[in-house]
Amino acid sequence: MRKKALLAVMMAMVLLLSGCALVVKDEAVDNAREIIRMGDQVITKDKVKEEIQNQLDSMAYMYSMYGYSYDVTDPEHIAWAQESAIEALKEDLALTAKAKELGLDQLTDEETATVKETAQKSYDNALDYARDSMLTGTEGMDDDAIAKAAADKLTEINVTLDTYIESQTKTVIDDKLREYAIRDVAVTDEEIREDYDKKVEADKESYAEKAGSWASAANNGTALYYTPAGVRRVKQILTKFKDEDQTAIDDAKKQVTNAQSAVTAAQAKIDAANETLALEGDTDEIKAAKEAAQADLAAATQEKEEADKALDAANEAVTAAQDKAFANLDEEVDAILASLDEEGADWQAIMEEKNQDPGMKNNEKGYAVAADMTGFDSAFVEAAMALAKPGDHSGKVKGTSYGYYIIRYDSDEAEGPVALDSVKEAISSALLSTKQTEAYNAAKAQWVEEAGIKVDLNALKD
């Protein structure tokens, strides 16, 4: 009995001394602990944890869109998410208070109606998605029952019409706050001129000796501020191969690819055998390896000879398919050329009627072309640059992929800076957008600072 009593006392002392480790945390009480306070408004631990998880989930989703993974359990990621969540919650408190102070939280009847309409559309889209994703469990249900099941599914994850209305209302208020913050932001002529001069100098440095790069950038829609020498504009009438001829060419080219792979594989075997034959030494192991390599070399050499013949035949098949394809277009293209050469012929009208290149539609200036450019068919570039003067057009030019080109030298691009007036509106718009964003960010930072928000992160550490 004494021993049992002593054991009981010892266990009681252990429990007493380690009692802190045995206390079960009340989760509801813990989640209600204060983390952020602004006046009498409090954001509790559970809300902060929810926002942290939202930040992590958002990053994981964005990474997944590009085929990457994002470890939401990584301590560094969690630390970033915590900081981001705290800042977002503080900003939300401050902006809500500022909107109320300025009276911007009161929506007009028209704004309220727009909010409800937008929210309804968003909810309906979510409902449609939920209904479409219900692949099982709807057997024997009519449309009304399926719609109700989809709505219940959304409600389970707190997606309701009210949540969309609340979110859209916040968006409208935030937009009004932004308009208030940027109300006095403007761009001066001096700022436009300064930005223009910088862009001109940058483009001059980039393209002065690279007319081909400039032409490629221009065709891609890049905004450009300096034009180098040697760029011209051309228009074309493309007559594409007939579908069956294009298919025959594509099939022949596949055979070329296969034959080239066979040649490469055979050459790799030859190289490996020769490496073995070049080994120094006369050990039995090396002699055996060389003997085997000699046999491999003979087989690989024969294999490559056959592959080379197959490659030659495949290339000949491509040429034959292309020749046939061009021959099937000759009559049609000759007729187009004849119409272009008639007195008073209207190139633009004939091009619009006969051209099969979608890139020429609504392309008033035509393609930019320069001698050293890449990205265009070399046959097209060479023929375009061979034309002597604006207004001249080529004969039939055999393209390497699509069919016949008929190319017209339309105009020259003037060397030097582009006219400021031609880009002034675009520069002004870009500068204004940047200044507005900076002004709004500065205003938000100021409002957060002035809000006197208190943050206690201790509750997040356990």
Protein backbone atom coordinates (compact mmCIF):
# COMPACT_ATOMS: atom_id res chain seq x y z
CA MET A 1 0.00 0.00 0.00
CA ARG A 2 2.81 2.38 0.88
CA LYS A 3 4.48 1.71 -2.45
CA LYS A 4 1.22 2.29 -4.32
CA ALA A 5 0.56 5.47 -2.36
CA LEU A 6 4.08 6.71 -3.06
CA LEU A 7 3.65 5.93 -6.76
CA ALA A 8 0.37 7.83 -6.82
CA VAL A 9 1.98 10.85 -5.18
CA MET A 10 4.87 10.79 -7.67
CA MET A 11 2.45 10.60 -10.61
CA ALA A 12 0.46 13.48 -9.18
CA MET A 13 3.63 15.59 -8.91
CA VAL A 14 4.57 14.77 -12.51
CA LEU A 15 1.12 15.79 -13.67
CA LEU A 16 1.30 18.95 -11.59
CA LEU A 17 4.72 19.92 -12.92
CA SER A 18 3.85 19.17 -16.55
CA GLY A 19 0.26 20.25 -16.38
CA CYS A 20 0.75 23.01 -18.97
CA ALA A 21 1.35 20.36 -21.62
CA LEU A 22 -1.86 18.57 -20.79
CA VAL A 23 -4.16 21.54 -20.96
CA VAL A 24 -6.46 21.15 -23.96
CA LYS A 25 -6.77 24.41 -25.85
CA ASP A 26 -10.33 25.64 -26.35
CA GLU A 27 -10.30 26.12 -30.12
CA ALA A 28 -13.28 28.48 -30.18
CA VAL A 29 -11.68 30.70 -27.53
CA ASP A 30 -8.32 30.58 -29.30
CA ASN A 31 -9.81 31.50 -32.67
CA ALA A 32 -11.57 34.46 -31.06
CA ARG A 33 -8.28 35.99 -29.88
CA GLU A 34 -7.66 39.51 -31.13
CA ILE A 35 -5.01 40.03 -33.80
CA ILE A 36 -5.89 43.35 -35.44
CA ARG A 37 -7.75 46.30 -33.92
CA MET A 38 -8.86 49.65 -35.35
CA GLY A 39 -10.89 51.55 -32.82
CA ASP A 40 -13.70 49.24 -31.76
CA GLN A 41 -13.29 47.00 -34.82
CA VAL A 42 -11.46 43.74 -34.23
CA ILE A 43 -10.22 41.02 -36.55
CA THR A 44 -9.79 37.74 -34.76
CA LYS A 45 -7.36 34.88 -35.23
CA ASP A 46 -9.76 32.73 -37.24
CA LYS A 47 -10.29 35.51 -39.79
CA VAL A 48 -6.54 36.07 -40.11
CA LYS A 49 -5.92 32.33 -40.52
CA GLU A 50 -8.60 32.21 -43.21
CA GLU A 51 -6.94 35.08 -45.10
CA ILE A 52 -3.51 33.45 -44.77
CA GLN A 53 -4.93 30.27 -46.29
CA ASN A 54 -6.55 32.30 -49.07
CA GLN A 55 -3.18 33.84 -49.89
CA LEU A 56 -1.51 30.42 -50.00
CA ASP A 57 -4.30 28.89 -52.09
CA SER A 58 -4.17 31.78 -54.55
CA MET A 59 -0.43 31.32 -55.05
CA ALA A 60 -0.83 27.57 -55.45
CA TYR A 61 -3.52 28.12 -58.06
CA MET A 62 -1.44 30.61 -60.02
CA TYR A 63 1.57 28.30 -60.00
CA SER A 64 -0.58 25.38 -61.15
CA MET A 65 -1.75 27.40 -64.16
CA TYR A 66 1.84 27.36 -65.41
CA GLY A 67 2.45 23.72 -64.53
CA TYR A 68 4.37 24.36 -61.31
CA SER A 69 3.74 23.27 -57.74
CA TYR A 70 3.64 25.57 -54.74
CA ASP A 71 4.27 24.11 -51.28
CA VAL A 72 1.71 25.72 -48.97
CA THR A 73 3.45 24.10 -45.98
CA ASP A 74 6.81 25.77 -46.66
CA PRO A 75 7.63 28.01 -43.65
CA GLU A 76 8.87 30.80 -45.93
CA HIS A 77 5.66 30.68 -47.95
CA ILE A 78 3.59 30.71 -44.78
CA ALA A 79 5.56 33.69 -43.43
CA TRP A 80 4.99 35.58 -46.68
CA ALA A 81 1.27 34.70 -46.65
CA GLN A 82 0.95 35.89 -43.05
CA GLU A 83 2.56 39.23 -43.82
CA SER A 84 0.48 39.62 -46.98
CA ALA A 85 -2.73 38.69 -45.16
CA ILE A 86 -2.10 41.15 -42.32
CA GLU A 87 -1.42 43.98 -44.77
CA ALA A 88 -4.53 43.13 -46.80
CA LEU A 89 -6.74 43.08 -43.71
CA LYS A 90 -5.29 46.35 -42.40
CA GLU A 91 -5.84 47.99 -45.77
CA ASP A 92 -9.41 46.72 -45.92
CA LEU A 93 -10.17 48.20 -42.50
CA ALA A 94 -8.58 51.55 -43.38
CA LEU A 95 -10.28 51.83 -46.78
CA THR A 96 -13.67 50.90 -45.36
CA ALA A 97 -13.28 53.60 -42.71
CA LYS A 98 -12.10 56.18 -45.25
CA ALA A 99 -14.99 55.45 -47.58
CA LYS A 100 -17.42 55.93 -44.68
CA GLU A 101 -15.70 59.17 -43.65
CA LEU A 102 -16.03 60.55 -47.18
CA GLY A 103 -19.57 59.27 -47.66
CA LEU A 104 -18.45 57.09 -50.54
CA ASP A 105 -19.93 53.98 -48.98
CA GLN A 106 -23.44 55.16 -49.85
CA LEU A 107 -24.47 53.84 -53.26
CA THR A 108 -26.98 55.56 -55.50
CA ASP A 109 -30.05 53.69 -56.67
CA GLU A 110 -28.42 53.28 -60.08
CA GLU A 111 -25.20 51.91 -58.55
CA THR A 112 -27.19 49.53 -56.36
CA ALA A 113 -29.12 48.25 -59.36
CA THR A 114 -25.88 47.72 -61.28
CA VAL A 115 -24.34 45.88 -58.33
CA LYS A 116 -27.29 43.52 -58.11
CA GLU A 117 -27.30 42.89 -61.86
CA THR A 118 -23.57 42.16 -61.95
CA ALA A 119 -23.77 39.97 -58.85
CA GLN A 120 -26.68 38.01 -60.30
CA LYS A 121 -24.75 37.30 -63.50
CA SER A 122 -21.73 36.14 -61.50
CA TYR A 123 -23.86 33.92 -59.30
CA ASP A 124 -25.68 32.46 -62.30
CA ASN A 125 -22.32 31.64 -63.91
CA ALA A 126 -21.18 29.94 -60.71
CA LEU A 127 -24.47 28.04 -60.57
CA ASP A 128 -24.06 26.87 -64.17
CA TYR A 129 -20.51 25.73 -63.43
CA ALA A 130 -21.63 23.86 -60.32
CA ARG A 131 -24.48 22.22 -62.21
CA ASP A 132 -22.19 21.19 -65.08
CA SER A 133 -19.62 19.75 -62.66
CA MET A 134 -22.18 17.49 -60.96
CA LEU A 135 -21.33 14.41 -63.00
CA THR A 136 -22.73 11.91 -60.53
CA GLY A 137 -25.63 11.76 -58.11
CA THR A 138 -28.13 13.46 -60.40
CA GLU A 139 -29.58 10.34 -62.00
CA GLY A 140 -33.37 10.55 -62.11
CA MET A 141 -33.42 14.22 -61.03
CA ASP A 142 -35.29 16.82 -63.05
CA ASP A 143 -33.80 20.21 -63.97
CA ASP A 144 -35.28 21.98 -60.94
CA ALA A 145 -33.90 19.38 -58.56
CA ILE A 146 -30.45 19.56 -60.17
CA ALA A 147 -30.51 23.37 -59.96
CA LYS A 148 -31.39 23.19 -56.25
CA ALA A 149 -28.63 20.64 -55.65
CA ALA A 150 -26.15 22.94 -57.38
CA ALA A 151 -27.30 25.90 -55.28
CA ASP A 152 -26.95 23.82 -52.11
CA LYS A 153 -23.45 22.85 -53.19
CA LEU A 154 -22.50 26.50 -53.57
CA THR A 155 -24.06 27.37 -50.22
CA GLU A 156 -21.89 24.73 -48.53
CA ILE A 157 -18.80 26.70 -49.59
CA ASN A 158 -20.40 30.05 -48.72
CA VAL A 159 -20.99 31.08 -52.33
CA THR A 160 -24.36 32.80 -52.44
CA LEU A 161 -25.97 35.70 -54.24
CA ASP A 162 -25.45 37.76 -51.08
CA THR A 163 -21.70 37.08 -51.09
CA TYR A 164 -21.51 38.25 -54.70
CA ILE A 165 -23.53 41.37 -53.87
CA GLU A 166 -21.22 42.09 -50.93
CA SER A 167 -18.12 41.60 -53.08
CA GLN A 168 -19.44 43.73 -55.95
CA THR A 169 -20.51 46.47 -53.54
CA LYS A 170 -16.99 46.56 -52.14
CA THR A 171 -15.59 46.78 -55.67
CA VAL A 172 -17.78 49.77 -56.47
CA ILE A 173 -16.79 51.52 -53.24
CA ASP A 174 -13.11 50.82 -53.88
CA ASP A 175 -13.46 52.27 -57.38
CA LYS A 176 -15.00 55.42 -55.93
CA LEU A 177 -12.17 55.69 -53.42
CA ARG A 178 -9.64 55.35 -56.22
CA GLU A 179 -11.36 58.08 -58.22
CA TYR A 180 -11.22 60.30 -55.14
CA ALA A 181 -7.50 59.62 -54.64
CA ILE A 182 -6.55 60.33 -58.27
CA ARG A 183 -8.90 63.26 -58.85
CA ASP A 184 -6.08 65.78 -59.25
CA VAL A 185 -3.57 63.59 -61.10
CA ALA A 186 -2.58 64.94 -64.51
CA VAL A 187 0.22 64.68 -67.06
CA THR A 188 2.05 67.75 -68.32
CA ASP A 189 3.43 68.38 -71.80
CA GLU A 190 6.91 68.48 -70.29
CA GLU A 191 6.47 64.99 -68.88
CA ILE A 192 5.23 63.72 -72.24
CA ARG A 193 8.20 65.27 -74.06
CA GLU A 194 10.67 63.85 -71.54
CA ASP A 195 9.22 60.35 -71.85
CA TYR A 196 9.13 60.64 -75.65
CA ASP A 197 12.80 61.67 -75.80
CA LYS A 198 13.79 58.71 -73.61
CA LYS A 199 11.86 56.28 -75.79
CA VAL A 200 13.38 57.70 -78.98
CA GLU A 201 16.90 57.34 -77.61
CA ALA A 202 16.22 53.82 -76.37
CA ASP A 203 14.85 52.71 -79.74
CA LYS A 204 17.70 54.40 -81.58
CA GLU A 205 20.18 52.46 -79.49
CA SER A 206 18.25 49.21 -80.00
CA TYR A 207 17.51 49.44 -83.72
CA ALA A 208 19.92 51.85 -85.43
CA GLU A 209 21.89 48.97 -86.91
CA LYS A 210 19.13 46.36 -86.73
CA ALA A 211 16.51 47.23 -89.32
CA GLY A 212 15.37 43.60 -89.44
CA SER A 213 14.67 43.54 -85.72
CA TRP A 214 12.72 46.80 -86.07
CA ALA A 215 10.65 45.32 -88.91
CA SER A 216 9.85 42.21 -86.88
CA ALA A 217 8.85 44.33 -83.88
CA ALA A 218 6.66 46.54 -86.07
CA ASN A 219 4.87 43.52 -87.54
CA ASN A 220 4.25 42.24 -84.00
CA GLY A 221 2.53 45.49 -83.04
CA THR A 222 5.29 46.84 -80.79
CA ALA A 223 5.14 50.59 -80.16
CA LEU A 224 8.24 52.09 -81.82
CA TYR A 225 9.69 55.59 -81.56
CA TYR A 226 12.70 55.56 -83.89
CA THR A 227 12.96 54.07 -87.37
CA PRO A 228 16.32 52.91 -88.76
CA ALA A 229 17.29 53.15 -92.42
CA GLY A 230 16.47 50.31 -94.79
CA VAL A 231 12.89 49.47 -93.86
CA ARG A 232 10.16 49.29 -96.48
CA ARG A 233 6.49 48.39 -96.46
CA VAL A 234 5.14 45.74 -98.79
CA LYS A 235 1.79 44.19 -99.53
CA GLN A 236 1.16 40.78 -100.98
CA ILE A 237 -1.32 38.52 -102.68
CA LEU A 238 -0.85 35.00 -101.37
CA THR A 239 -2.28 32.10 -103.34
CA LYS A 240 -2.18 29.09 -101.06
CA PHE A 241 -1.62 25.48 -102.05
CA LYS A 242 -4.77 23.48 -102.54
CA ASP A 243 -5.68 21.43 -99.49
CA GLU A 244 -4.80 18.06 -101.03
CA ASP A 245 -1.44 19.40 -102.25
CA GLN A 246 -0.66 20.88 -98.84
CA THR A 247 -1.44 17.52 -97.23
CA ALA A 248 0.89 15.74 -99.67
CA ILE A 249 3.69 18.21 -98.92
CA ASP A 250 3.21 17.87 -95.17
CA ASP A 251 3.27 14.07 -95.41
CA ALA A 252 6.45 14.16 -97.50
CA LYS A 253 8.10 16.49 -94.97
CA LYS A 254 7.26 14.05 -92.17
CA GLN A 255 9.13 11.37 -94.10
CA VAL A 256 12.12 13.72 -94.32
CA THR A 257 12.02 14.18 -90.54
CA ASN A 258 11.85 10.43 -89.96
CA ALA A 259 14.70 9.78 -92.41
CA GLN A 260 16.84 12.49 -90.80
CA SER A 261 16.30 10.87 -87.40
CA ALA A 262 17.43 7.54 -88.83
CA VAL A 263 20.57 9.16 -90.27
CA THR A 264 21.34 10.79 -86.91
CA ALA A 265 20.84 7.51 -85.04
CA ALA A 266 23.11 5.61 -87.45
CA GLN A 267 25.80 8.28 -87.20
CA ALA A 268 25.66 8.05 -83.39
CA LYS A 269 26.35 4.32 -83.64
CA ILE A 270 29.28 4.95 -86.00
CA ASP A 271 30.73 7.54 -83.62
CA ALA A 272 30.38 5.18 -80.65
CA ALA A 273 32.11 2.34 -82.55
CA ASN A 274 34.97 4.62 -83.63
CA GLU A 275 35.47 5.79 -80.04
CA THR A 276 35.86 2.19 -78.95
CA LEU A 277 38.25 1.42 -81.81
CA ALA A 278 40.39 4.38 -80.75
CA LEU A 279 40.97 2.92 -77.28
CA GLU A 280 44.63 2.35 -76.41
CA GLY A 281 45.94 -0.82 -74.85
CA ASP A 282 46.07 -4.53 -75.70
CA THR A 283 44.28 -6.17 -72.81
CA ASP A 284 41.89 -8.98 -73.57
CA GLU A 285 38.99 -6.78 -72.54
CA ILE A 286 40.00 -3.98 -74.94
CA LYS A 287 40.64 -6.46 -77.76
CA ALA A 288 37.20 -7.98 -77.29
CA ALA A 289 35.60 -4.53 -77.21
CA LYS A 290 37.37 -3.52 -80.42
CA GLU A 291 36.35 -6.70 -82.16
CA ALA A 292 32.72 -6.07 -81.24
CA ALA A 293 33.04 -2.41 -82.25
CA GLN A 294 34.37 -3.40 -85.66
CA ALA A 295 31.27 -5.45 -86.29
CA ASP A 296 29.08 -2.61 -84.97
CA LEU A 297 30.82 -0.13 -87.26
CA ALA A 298 30.18 -2.23 -90.32
CA ALA A 299 26.49 -2.62 -89.45
CA ALA A 300 26.09 1.06 -88.58
CA THR A 301 27.82 2.14 -91.79
CA GLN A 302 25.42 0.03 -93.81
CA GLU A 303 22.53 1.40 -91.78
CA LYS A 304 23.61 4.99 -92.45
CA GLU A 305 24.00 4.36 -96.18
CA GLU A 306 20.44 3.10 -96.31
CA ALA A 307 19.23 6.01 -94.17
CA ASP A 308 21.00 8.50 -96.44
CA LYS A 309 19.28 6.98 -99.47
CA ALA A 310 15.93 7.18 -97.68
CA LEU A 311 16.60 10.83 -96.81
CA ASP A 312 17.47 11.66 -100.41
CA ALA A 313 14.30 9.94 -101.59
CA ALA A 314 12.23 11.79 -99.00
CA ASN A 315 13.66 15.15 -100.04
CA GLU A 316 12.94 14.32 -103.67
CA ALA A 317 9.38 13.46 -102.68
CA VAL A 318 8.99 16.87 -101.01
CA THR A 319 10.32 18.61 -104.12
CA ALA A 320 7.98 16.60 -106.35
CA ALA A 321 4.99 17.36 -104.11
CA GLN A 322 5.84 21.07 -104.10
CA ASP A 323 6.36 21.16 -107.87
CA LYS A 324 2.98 19.57 -108.38
CA ALA A 325 1.38 21.98 -105.91
CA PHE A 326 2.85 25.03 -107.65
CA ALA A 327 1.84 23.66 -111.07
CA ASN A 328 -1.73 23.38 -109.84
CA LEU A 329 -1.66 27.12 -109.02
CA ASP A 330 0.09 28.44 -112.13
CA GLU A 331 -3.01 29.18 -114.17
CA GLU A 332 -4.74 30.97 -111.30
CA VAL A 333 -1.69 33.06 -110.36
CA ASP A 334 -0.89 33.91 -113.97
CA ALA A 335 -4.41 35.29 -114.30
CA ILE A 336 -3.89 37.47 -111.22
CA LEU A 337 -0.62 38.80 -112.61
CA ALA A 338 -2.30 39.58 -115.92
CA SER A 339 -5.01 41.58 -114.18
CA LEU A 340 -2.38 43.51 -112.21
CA ASP A 341 -0.58 44.45 -115.40
CA GLU A 342 -3.68 45.81 -117.12
CA GLU A 343 -3.76 49.57 -117.58
CA GLY A 344 -5.43 51.28 -114.62
CA ALA A 345 -5.37 48.12 -112.50
CA ASP A 346 -6.30 48.68 -108.84
CA TRP A 347 -3.81 46.69 -106.78
CA GLN A 348 -5.75 47.18 -103.53
CA ALA A 349 -9.03 45.98 -105.01
CA ILE A 350 -7.41 42.95 -106.66
CA MET A 351 -5.55 42.12 -103.45
CA GLU A 352 -8.71 42.31 -101.37
CA GLU A 353 -10.46 39.98 -103.81
CA LYS A 354 -7.71 37.44 -104.44
CA ASN A 355 -5.44 37.44 -101.40
CA GLN A 356 -5.52 34.40 -99.09
CA ASP A 357 -3.28 35.88 -96.39
CA PRO A 358 -5.39 36.91 -93.36
CA GLY A 359 -2.47 39.01 -92.11
CA MET A 360 -3.11 41.52 -94.88
CA LYS A 361 -6.68 42.20 -93.82
CA ASN A 362 -7.03 45.66 -92.25
CA ASN A 363 -3.27 46.09 -92.65
CA GLU A 364 -3.21 49.51 -94.31
CA LYS A 365 0.56 50.02 -94.22
CA GLY A 366 1.47 46.48 -95.20
CA TYR A 367 4.28 44.37 -93.77
CA ALA A 368 7.51 45.99 -92.60
CA VAL A 369 10.46 44.31 -94.32
CA ALA A 370 14.24 44.74 -94.08
CA ALA A 371 17.14 42.82 -95.55
CA ASP A 372 18.37 41.16 -92.36
CA MET A 373 15.03 40.25 -90.81
CA THR A 374 14.06 36.79 -89.59
CA GLY A 375 10.69 35.28 -88.82
CA PHE A 376 9.41 35.74 -92.37
CA ASP A 377 9.89 33.28 -95.23
CA SER A 378 13.34 34.08 -96.65
CA ALA A 379 11.93 33.77 -100.17
CA PHE A 380 9.38 36.49 -99.34
CA VAL A 381 12.00 38.82 -97.84
CA GLU A 382 14.46 38.39 -100.70
CA ALA A 383 11.79 39.06 -103.33
CA ALA A 384 10.44 42.07 -101.41
CA MET A 385 13.89 43.63 -101.06
CA ALA A 386 14.71 42.98 -104.73
CA LEU A 387 11.97 45.32 -105.97
CA ALA A 388 13.44 48.56 -107.29
CA LYS A 389 10.96 51.27 -106.33
CA PRO A 390 7.58 51.83 -104.67
CA GLY A 391 4.76 50.68 -106.91
CA ASP A 392 6.72 47.76 -108.41
CA HIS A 393 5.40 44.27 -107.90
CA SER A 394 7.05 40.89 -108.24
CA GLY A 395 6.15 38.00 -110.45
CA LYS A 396 5.29 34.61 -109.01
CA VAL A 397 7.46 33.97 -105.93
CA LYS A 398 7.60 30.41 -104.67
CA GLY A 399 7.17 30.35 -100.91
CA THR A 400 8.77 27.64 -98.83
CA SER A 401 5.58 26.69 -97.01
CA TYR A 402 2.31 28.14 -98.26
CA GLY A 403 2.19 28.78 -102.00
CA TYR A 404 2.86 31.66 -104.40
CA TYR A 405 3.54 35.25 -103.30
CA ILE A 406 2.94 38.31 -105.46
CA ILE A 407 4.61 41.18 -103.60
CA ARG A 408 4.16 44.92 -104.08
CA TYR A 409 6.71 47.47 -102.86
CA ASP A 410 4.33 49.93 -101.24
CA SER A 411 6.42 52.58 -99.45
CA ASP A 412 9.56 53.38 -97.46
CA GLU A 413 9.64 53.95 -93.74
CA ALA A 414 11.18 57.37 -93.04
CA GLU A 415 14.40 57.11 -91.05
CA GLY A 416 14.49 58.95 -87.71
CA PRO A 417 12.22 59.62 -84.73
CA VAL A 418 8.50 59.16 -85.20
CA ALA A 419 6.47 62.36 -84.97
CA LEU A 420 5.61 63.23 -81.37
CA ASP A 421 2.00 63.99 -82.34
CA SER A 422 1.56 60.43 -83.62
CA VAL A 423 2.41 58.91 -80.23
CA LYS A 424 1.51 61.73 -77.85
CA GLU A 425 -1.88 60.30 -76.87
CA ALA A 426 -0.44 56.84 -76.18
CA ILE A 427 2.43 58.26 -74.10
CA SER A 428 0.07 60.53 -72.17
CA SER A 429 -2.30 57.64 -71.44
CA ALA A 430 0.51 55.38 -70.21
CA LEU A 431 2.02 58.09 -68.02
CA LEU A 432 -1.37 59.00 -66.58
CA SER A 433 -2.11 55.38 -65.74
CA THR A 434 1.24 55.02 -63.96
CA LYS A 435 0.82 58.26 -62.02
CA GLN A 436 -2.73 57.33 -61.01
CA THR A 437 -1.60 53.95 -59.74
CA GLU A 438 1.23 55.55 -57.77
CA ALA A 439 -1.12 58.18 -56.34
CA TYR A 440 -3.68 55.60 -55.25
CA ASN A 441 -1.04 53.36 -53.66
CA ALA A 442 0.37 56.36 -51.79
CA ALA A 443 -3.10 57.36 -50.62
CA LYS A 444 -3.86 53.85 -49.38
CA ALA A 445 -0.57 53.73 -47.47
CA GLN A 446 -1.37 57.09 -45.90
CA TRP A 447 -4.89 56.02 -44.92
CA VAL A 448 -3.55 52.85 -43.31
CA GLU A 449 -0.94 54.86 -41.41
CA GLU A 450 -3.51 57.39 -40.19
CA ALA A 451 -5.98 54.71 -39.12
CA GLY A 452 -3.93 53.85 -36.02
CA ILE A 453 -4.32 50.11 -36.53
CA LYS A 454 -2.84 47.88 -33.82
CA VAL A 455 -1.53 44.39 -34.63
CA ASP A 456 -0.61 41.68 -32.10
CA LEU A 457 0.87 38.61 -33.76
CA ASN A 458 1.50 36.65 -30.54
CA ALA A 459 -1.69 34.63 -30.93
CA LEU A 460 -0.50 33.39 -34.32
CA LYS A 461 2.67 31.91 -32.83
CA ASP A 462 0.87 29.03 -31.11
